[in-house]
Protein backbone atom coordinates (compact mmCIF):
# COMPACT_ATOMS: atom_id res chain seq x y z
CA UNK A 1 -72.85 -35.74 148.79
CA UNK A 2 -71.19 -33.75 145.98
CA UNK A 3 -73.81 -34.95 143.51
CA UNK A 4 -76.63 -33.91 145.85
CA UNK A 5 -75.13 -30.47 146.31
CA UNK A 6 -74.75 -30.01 142.56
CA UNK A 7 -78.30 -31.16 141.95
CA UNK A 8 -79.61 -28.79 144.63
CA UNK A 9 -77.71 -25.89 143.10
CA UNK A 10 -78.96 -26.67 139.57
CA UNK A 11 -82.56 -26.94 140.74
CA UNK A 12 -82.31 -23.68 142.69
CA UNK A 13 -80.78 -21.89 139.72
CA UNK A 14 -83.46 -23.25 137.38
CA UNK A 15 -86.24 -22.10 139.72
CA UNK A 16 -84.75 -18.61 139.89
CA UNK A 17 -84.26 -18.39 136.13
CA UNK A 18 -87.73 -19.68 135.27
CA UNK A 19 -89.61 -17.53 137.75
CA UNK A 20 -87.67 -14.29 137.25
CA UNK A 21 -89.54 -13.07 134.10
CA UNK A 22 -92.97 -13.59 135.62
CA UNK A 23 -91.90 -12.11 138.91
CA UNK A 24 -90.46 -9.08 137.19
CA UNK A 25 -93.74 -8.49 135.29
CA UNK A 26 -95.63 -8.77 138.56
CA UNK A 27 -93.35 -6.22 140.12
CA UNK A 28 -93.81 -3.81 137.22
CA UNK A 29 -97.57 -4.11 137.53
CA UNK A 30 -97.61 -3.83 141.32
CA UNK A 31 -95.47 -0.76 141.82
CA UNK A 32 -93.91 1.94 139.64
CA UNK A 33 -90.17 1.97 139.27
CA UNK A 34 -88.43 4.55 141.44
CA UNK A 35 -85.97 6.90 139.76
CA UNK A 36 -82.32 5.83 139.98
CA UNK A 37 -80.48 6.92 143.10
CA UNK A 38 -77.42 9.12 142.74
CA UNK A 39 -74.16 7.41 143.66
CA UNK A 40 -70.65 8.60 144.27
CA UNK A 41 -68.95 8.56 140.86
CA UNK A 42 -65.36 7.73 141.67
CA UNK A 43 -64.57 7.10 138.02
CA UNK A 44 -65.48 10.63 136.93
CA UNK A 45 -63.97 11.88 140.21
CA UNK A 46 -66.91 14.12 141.01
CA UNK A 47 -66.93 15.08 144.71
CA UNK A 48 -70.33 14.85 146.37
CA UNK A 49 -72.26 13.96 149.51
CA UNK A 50 -72.49 10.54 151.09
CA UNK A 51 -74.26 7.94 148.93
CA UNK A 52 -75.91 5.46 151.31
CA UNK A 53 -77.85 2.26 150.88
CA UNK A 54 -79.48 0.26 153.70
CA UNK A 55 -81.42 -2.96 153.13
CA UNK A 56 -83.16 -5.08 155.77
CA UNK A 57 -84.55 -8.54 155.14
CA UNK A 58 -86.36 -11.32 156.97
CA UNK A 59 -87.41 -14.81 155.94
CA UNK A 60 -89.65 -17.38 157.64
CA UNK A 61 -90.67 -20.96 156.86
CA UNK A 62 -92.89 -23.15 159.05
CA UNK A 63 -94.46 -26.60 158.97
CA UNK A 64 -95.89 -28.86 161.69
CA UNK A 65 -97.48 -32.31 161.84
CA UNK A 66 -99.45 -34.29 164.40
CA UNK A 67 -97.75 -37.25 166.05
CA UNK A 68 -99.97 -39.72 164.14
CA UNK A 69 -99.33 -38.24 160.69
CA UNK A 70 -99.33 -41.19 158.27
CA UNK A 71 -96.48 -40.00 156.08
CA UNK A 72 -93.98 -39.82 158.92
CA UNK A 73 -93.17 -36.19 158.05
CA UNK A 74 -91.64 -33.92 160.67
CA UNK A 75 -92.21 -30.21 161.03
CA UNK A 76 -89.66 -27.43 160.99
CA UNK A 77 -89.47 -23.72 161.69
CA UNK A 78 -86.76 -21.67 160.00
CA UNK A 79 -86.14 -17.97 160.22
CA UNK A 80 -83.40 -15.62 159.08
CA UNK A 81 -82.68 -11.90 159.35
CA UNK A 82 -80.16 -9.85 157.45
CA UNK A 83 -78.97 -6.27 157.22
CA UNK A 84 -76.68 -4.68 154.64
CA UNK A 85 -75.36 -1.13 154.63
CA UNK A 86 -73.14 0.70 152.16
CA UNK A 87 -71.88 4.24 152.58
CA UNK A 88 -69.55 5.81 150.03
CA UNK A 89 -68.32 9.31 149.37
CA UNK A 90 -65.97 10.96 146.91
CA UNK A 91 -64.57 13.62 149.25
CA UNK A 92 -62.47 15.28 146.55
CA UNK A 93 -61.10 14.47 143.14
CA UNK A 94 -58.27 12.65 144.94
CA UNK A 95 -59.94 10.57 147.68
CA UNK A 96 -62.81 8.07 147.92
CA UNK A 97 -64.01 6.46 151.17
CA UNK A 98 -66.24 3.38 151.19
CA UNK A 99 -67.78 1.57 154.20
CA UNK A 100 -69.71 -1.70 154.05
CA UNK A 101 -71.49 -3.57 156.87
CA UNK A 102 -73.29 -6.91 156.64
CA UNK A 103 -74.98 -8.96 159.38
CA UNK A 104 -76.89 -12.23 158.90
CA UNK A 105 -78.36 -14.66 161.41
CA UNK A 106 -80.83 -17.53 161.16
CA UNK A 107 -82.01 -20.61 163.02
CA UNK A 108 -83.96 -23.82 162.36
CA UNK A 109 -85.89 -25.99 164.79
CA UNK A 110 -87.24 -29.42 163.83
CA UNK A 111 -89.75 -31.86 165.20
CA UNK A 112 -88.46 -35.25 166.35
CA UNK A 113 -89.72 -38.27 168.27
CA UNK A 114 -89.69 -37.87 172.03
CA UNK A 115 -87.10 -40.39 173.32
CA UNK A 116 -89.19 -40.84 176.47
CA UNK A 117 -92.45 -41.22 174.55
CA UNK A 118 -91.88 -42.23 170.89
CA UNK A 119 -95.55 -41.75 170.15
CA UNK A 120 -95.25 -37.98 170.52
CA UNK A 121 -93.36 -35.34 168.58
CA UNK A 122 -91.31 -32.66 170.35
CA UNK A 123 -89.45 -29.63 169.07
CA UNK A 124 -85.65 -29.82 169.15
CA UNK A 125 -83.63 -26.81 170.31
CA UNK A 126 -83.04 -24.29 167.53
CA UNK A 127 -79.77 -24.62 165.62
CA UNK A 128 -78.21 -21.78 163.69
CA UNK A 129 -78.16 -22.01 159.93
CA UNK A 130 -76.42 -18.75 159.06
CA UNK A 131 -74.23 -16.43 161.11
CA UNK A 132 -72.10 -13.55 159.87
CA UNK A 133 -70.88 -10.12 160.94
CA UNK A 134 -68.67 -8.30 158.46
CA UNK A 135 -67.41 -4.72 158.23
CA UNK A 136 -64.89 -3.15 155.87
CA UNK A 137 -63.70 0.42 155.49
CA UNK A 138 -61.60 1.31 152.44
CA UNK A 139 -59.88 4.56 151.54
CA UNK A 140 -58.75 4.96 147.94
CA UNK A 141 -56.65 7.75 146.46
CA UNK A 142 -58.06 8.46 143.00
CA UNK A 143 -54.99 10.01 141.39
CA UNK A 144 -55.91 9.35 137.77
CA UNK A 145 -53.14 6.77 137.25
CA UNK A 146 -53.48 3.20 136.00
CA UNK A 147 -54.40 2.04 139.53
CA UNK A 148 -55.34 3.74 142.79
CA UNK A 149 -53.42 3.29 146.06
CA UNK A 150 -55.69 2.09 148.88
CA UNK A 151 -55.77 1.15 152.55
CA UNK A 152 -58.42 -1.06 154.14
CA UNK A 153 -59.57 -2.21 157.57
CA UNK A 154 -61.76 -5.33 157.80
CA UNK A 155 -63.53 -7.07 160.70
CA UNK A 156 -65.05 -10.57 160.57
CA UNK A 157 -66.86 -12.38 163.37
CA UNK A 158 -70.11 -14.19 164.18
CA UNK A 159 -72.86 -13.79 166.73
CA UNK A 160 -72.40 -17.21 168.35
CA UNK A 161 -69.53 -19.67 168.02
CA UNK A 162 -70.99 -23.19 168.20
CA UNK A 163 -67.96 -25.10 166.90
CA UNK A 164 -67.03 -26.47 170.34
CA UNK A 165 -69.27 -29.29 171.63
CA UNK A 166 -68.68 -28.08 175.19
CA UNK A 167 -70.68 -24.89 174.69
CA UNK A 168 -71.23 -21.61 172.87
CA UNK A 169 -69.28 -18.35 172.92
CA UNK A 170 -70.64 -14.99 171.78
CA UNK A 171 -68.73 -12.95 169.17
CA UNK A 172 -65.94 -15.48 168.79
CA UNK A 173 -63.45 -15.31 167.19
CA UNK A 174 -62.88 -11.70 166.17
CA UNK A 175 -60.62 -11.25 163.14
CA UNK A 176 -59.08 -7.95 162.12
CA UNK A 177 -57.19 -7.33 158.88
CA UNK A 178 -55.31 -4.28 157.65
CA UNK A 179 -54.25 -4.16 154.00
CA UNK A 180 -52.61 -1.68 151.65
CA UNK A 181 -51.89 -1.87 147.94
CA UNK A 182 -53.30 -0.77 144.59
CA UNK A 183 -56.88 -1.02 143.25
CA UNK A 184 -58.11 -0.93 139.66
CA UNK A 185 -61.64 0.31 138.86
CA UNK A 186 -62.67 -1.27 135.55
CA UNK A 187 -66.26 -0.05 135.74
CA UNK A 188 -68.38 1.74 138.31
CA UNK A 189 -71.94 3.04 138.06
CA UNK A 190 -75.17 2.77 140.03
CA UNK A 191 -76.07 -0.62 138.56
CA UNK A 192 -72.67 -2.10 137.64
CA UNK A 193 -69.33 -2.41 139.36
CA UNK A 194 -66.07 -4.23 138.71
CA UNK A 195 -63.16 -3.45 141.04
CA UNK A 196 -60.09 -5.55 141.76
CA UNK A 197 -57.18 -4.90 144.08
CA UNK A 198 -53.92 -6.50 145.22
CA UNK A 199 -51.94 -5.70 148.33
CA UNK A 200 -50.22 -6.89 151.47
CA UNK A 201 -52.05 -7.45 154.72
CA UNK A 202 -51.75 -8.24 158.41
CA UNK A 203 -54.36 -10.30 160.29
CA UNK A 204 -54.98 -10.52 164.01
CA UNK A 205 -57.28 -13.06 165.65
CA UNK A 206 -58.72 -12.61 169.14
CA UNK A 207 -60.44 -15.76 170.32
CA UNK A 208 -61.61 -17.82 173.25
CA UNK A 209 -61.70 -21.55 173.89
CA UNK A 210 -63.75 -23.43 176.49
CA UNK A 211 -61.51 -24.93 179.16
CA UNK A 212 -64.09 -26.63 181.37
CA UNK A 213 -67.82 -26.87 181.95
CA UNK A 214 -69.97 -26.53 184.03
CA UNK A 215 -69.59 -23.77 184.87
CA UNK A 216 -68.19 -22.65 181.55
CA UNK A 217 -64.61 -21.42 181.88
CA UNK A 218 -62.85 -19.92 178.85
CA UNK A 219 -59.26 -19.07 178.00
CA UNK A 220 -58.30 -16.22 175.66
CA UNK A 221 -55.69 -16.42 172.92
CA UNK A 222 -54.37 -14.31 170.04
CA UNK A 223 -52.65 -15.09 166.77
CA UNK A 224 -51.08 -13.04 163.98
CA UNK A 225 -50.27 -13.71 160.36
CA UNK A 226 -49.57 -11.73 157.23
CA UNK A 227 -49.28 -12.12 153.49
CA UNK A 228 -50.60 -11.06 150.10
CA UNK A 229 -54.23 -10.35 149.21
CA UNK A 230 -56.24 -10.31 146.00
CA UNK A 231 -59.83 -9.06 146.30
CA UNK A 232 -62.36 -8.56 143.50
CA UNK A 233 -65.96 -7.31 143.72
CA UNK A 234 -68.56 -7.45 140.95
CA UNK A 235 -72.13 -6.15 140.64
CA UNK A 236 -73.90 -6.97 137.38
CA UNK A 237 -77.58 -7.05 136.26
CA UNK A 238 -78.58 -10.23 134.43
CA UNK A 239 -81.57 -11.30 132.34
CA UNK A 240 -82.31 -7.76 131.13
CA UNK A 241 -82.16 -6.43 134.67
CA UNK A 242 -84.56 -8.97 136.19
CA UNK A 243 -81.77 -10.54 138.26
CA UNK A 244 -79.02 -8.71 140.13
CA UNK A 245 -75.74 -10.53 140.66
CA UNK A 246 -73.32 -9.56 143.42
CA UNK A 247 -70.08 -11.44 143.90
CA UNK A 248 -66.75 -11.13 145.61
CA UNK A 249 -63.62 -13.25 145.47
CA UNK A 250 -61.05 -12.99 148.26
CA UNK A 251 -57.69 -14.80 148.13
CA UNK A 252 -55.17 -14.42 150.96
CA UNK A 253 -51.74 -16.09 150.75
CA UNK A 254 -49.98 -16.10 154.17
CA UNK A 255 -46.21 -15.83 154.38
CA UNK A 256 -45.84 -15.94 158.17
CA UNK A 257 -47.87 -17.17 161.15
CA UNK A 258 -47.23 -16.61 164.85
CA UNK A 259 -48.19 -20.21 165.69
CA UNK A 260 -45.73 -21.81 163.25
CA UNK A 261 -43.35 -23.13 165.95
CA UNK A 262 -46.22 -24.35 168.13
CA UNK A 263 -47.68 -26.35 165.22
CA UNK A 264 -44.29 -27.92 164.49
CA UNK A 265 -43.99 -28.94 168.16
CA UNK A 266 -47.53 -30.35 168.03
CA UNK A 267 -46.66 -32.46 164.98
CA UNK A 268 -43.54 -33.83 166.67
CA UNK A 269 -45.42 -34.77 169.87
CA UNK A 270 -48.39 -36.23 168.01
CA UNK A 271 -46.17 -38.29 165.68
CA UNK A 272 -44.49 -39.83 168.72
CA UNK A 273 -47.91 -40.90 170.03
CA UNK A 274 -49.36 -41.91 166.67
CA UNK A 275 -46.98 -42.97 163.84
CA UNK A 276 -49.86 -42.53 161.36
CA UNK A 277 -50.32 -38.85 162.22
CA UNK A 278 -50.60 -36.56 159.19
CA UNK A 279 -48.43 -33.45 159.73
CA UNK A 280 -50.30 -30.13 159.68
CA UNK A 281 -47.46 -27.69 160.43
CA UNK A 282 -47.42 -26.32 156.85
CA UNK A 283 -51.18 -26.16 156.32
CA UNK A 284 -51.31 -22.48 157.27
CA UNK A 285 -49.18 -21.65 154.20
CA UNK A 286 -51.97 -22.71 151.83
CA UNK A 287 -53.83 -19.67 150.38
CA UNK A 288 -57.33 -19.05 151.74
CA UNK A 289 -60.07 -18.66 149.10
CA UNK A 290 -63.55 -17.26 149.76
CA UNK A 291 -65.90 -16.87 146.78
CA UNK A 292 -69.41 -15.53 147.52
CA UNK A 293 -72.21 -15.15 144.96
CA UNK A 294 -75.73 -13.76 145.35
CA UNK A 295 -78.46 -13.77 142.70
CA UNK A 296 -81.51 -11.65 143.61
CA UNK A 297 -84.81 -11.22 141.79
CA UNK A 298 -87.69 -9.07 143.03
CA UNK A 299 -91.27 -10.31 142.95
CA UNK A 300 -92.75 -7.09 144.30
CA UNK A 301 -91.32 -3.99 145.89
CA UNK A 302 -90.61 -5.83 149.17
CA UNK A 303 -90.63 -9.56 148.28
CA UNK A 304 -87.63 -11.14 146.59
CA UNK A 305 -86.04 -14.49 145.76
CA UNK A 306 -82.37 -14.83 146.68
CA UNK A 307 -79.95 -17.58 145.70
CA UNK A 308 -76.68 -17.59 147.67
CA UNK A 309 -73.66 -19.72 146.74
CA UNK A 310 -70.36 -19.76 148.64
CA UNK A 311 -67.18 -21.73 148.03
CA UNK A 312 -64.64 -21.58 150.86
CA UNK A 313 -61.19 -23.17 151.05
CA UNK A 314 -59.35 -22.69 154.33
CA UNK A 315 -57.05 -25.65 154.93
CA UNK A 316 -56.09 -24.45 158.41
CA UNK A 317 -58.05 -21.86 160.34
CA UNK A 318 -55.51 -19.62 162.10
CA UNK A 319 -58.20 -18.80 164.67
CA UNK A 320 -56.85 -21.76 166.64
CA UNK A 321 -55.46 -21.83 170.16
CA UNK A 322 -52.14 -23.64 169.61
CA UNK A 323 -50.84 -22.85 173.11
CA UNK A 324 -52.88 -25.50 174.96
CA UNK A 325 -50.56 -27.49 177.24
CA UNK A 326 -52.53 -30.75 177.33
CA UNK A 327 -51.70 -32.76 174.18
CA UNK A 328 -55.12 -34.45 173.96
CA UNK A 329 -56.97 -31.13 174.21
CA UNK A 330 -54.53 -29.53 171.76
CA UNK A 331 -55.13 -32.36 169.27
CA UNK A 332 -58.90 -31.80 169.50
CA UNK A 333 -58.46 -28.05 168.99
CA UNK A 334 -56.14 -28.40 165.99
CA UNK A 335 -58.10 -31.14 164.22
CA UNK A 336 -61.32 -29.15 164.65
CA UNK A 337 -59.73 -26.35 162.60
CA UNK A 338 -58.18 -28.50 159.85
CA UNK A 339 -60.24 -28.72 156.65
CA UNK A 340 -58.44 -30.60 153.90
CA UNK A 341 -61.30 -30.19 151.41
CA UNK A 342 -63.20 -27.15 150.26
CA UNK A 343 -66.46 -26.10 151.89
CA UNK A 344 -69.67 -25.29 150.04
CA UNK A 345 -72.80 -23.42 151.11
CA UNK A 346 -76.04 -22.86 149.18
CA UNK A 347 -79.28 -21.23 150.27
CA UNK A 348 -82.44 -20.36 148.31
CA UNK A 349 -84.79 -18.04 150.14
CA UNK A 350 -88.02 -16.17 149.59
CA UNK A 351 -88.35 -13.26 151.97
CA UNK A 352 -89.19 -9.65 152.67
CA UNK A 353 -86.60 -7.00 151.88
CA UNK A 354 -86.92 -3.33 152.78
CA UNK A 355 -84.83 -0.52 151.27
CA UNK A 356 -84.60 1.96 154.14
CA UNK A 357 -82.61 4.60 152.28
């Protein structure tokens, strides 16, 4: 599995690198280059109006085969939609405010043999392939010192939670995080950016679990934790500007968790039932790491190739209902949120992207 993922990533990267020069020449021939857009210059501390950027994108892939197709191939329909907004303003020489919003959603449906009539192909229900809602608002005091004090509010959720085999829940879970600390701007311009920050943060999770079905009955829960955060964002043109790289690395090291005692009690009860049980009570102390990378190359003014790579390590997801009374149900809930190995995601897409403003 690891070898396949590495091979897929290398092939995708090679395709992007090989096609970028030709695609860039096609873009230059197809449409003139627009003049650079003014941005808030928080390094020079020049106050100005809001600098905004809104991009919308959509991708679609489709294939279908007759039931007697000799190769045994099966069709598929995949679609994805994404929106990204950035609004930033240097209000004065002493204060910068930045807001970022990102929303992605996509589904895939595949053809398969009809279990009641194996000679025919039917379309399976669509399954989601990407799902993300993210918003962050950051205020930074640009005082001219080595680093700038900052405060930040972040929200993370998804359109549909499909992790429970009993059913789906909309906008679940909802995670809020408030952080404060110091930020260092190493470079900032319209085309390049390198900002890193360290601070302390508090996280709150508001979630729901499915208790019974049908009809679907849910129970609400909350959890809290806090710790230290390190967050770095980078924007850098590559290949003489033909490829734009955007990346961010987020590391959060918890120091307390509201479900600590409940997890310890779970371990004790589970060990009594199963001597081979692996304790999980300390898993929440492991730092969470989320590293996202996007390589984009434009073919024309509206068509682009995007390579997305994400490495995620979250040994225990604190968005877990640890207050379930039934031990069997609690064991299912906890084990569903334990991930002892890192997670990897890679997508290569060709789609339409529109710069609204």
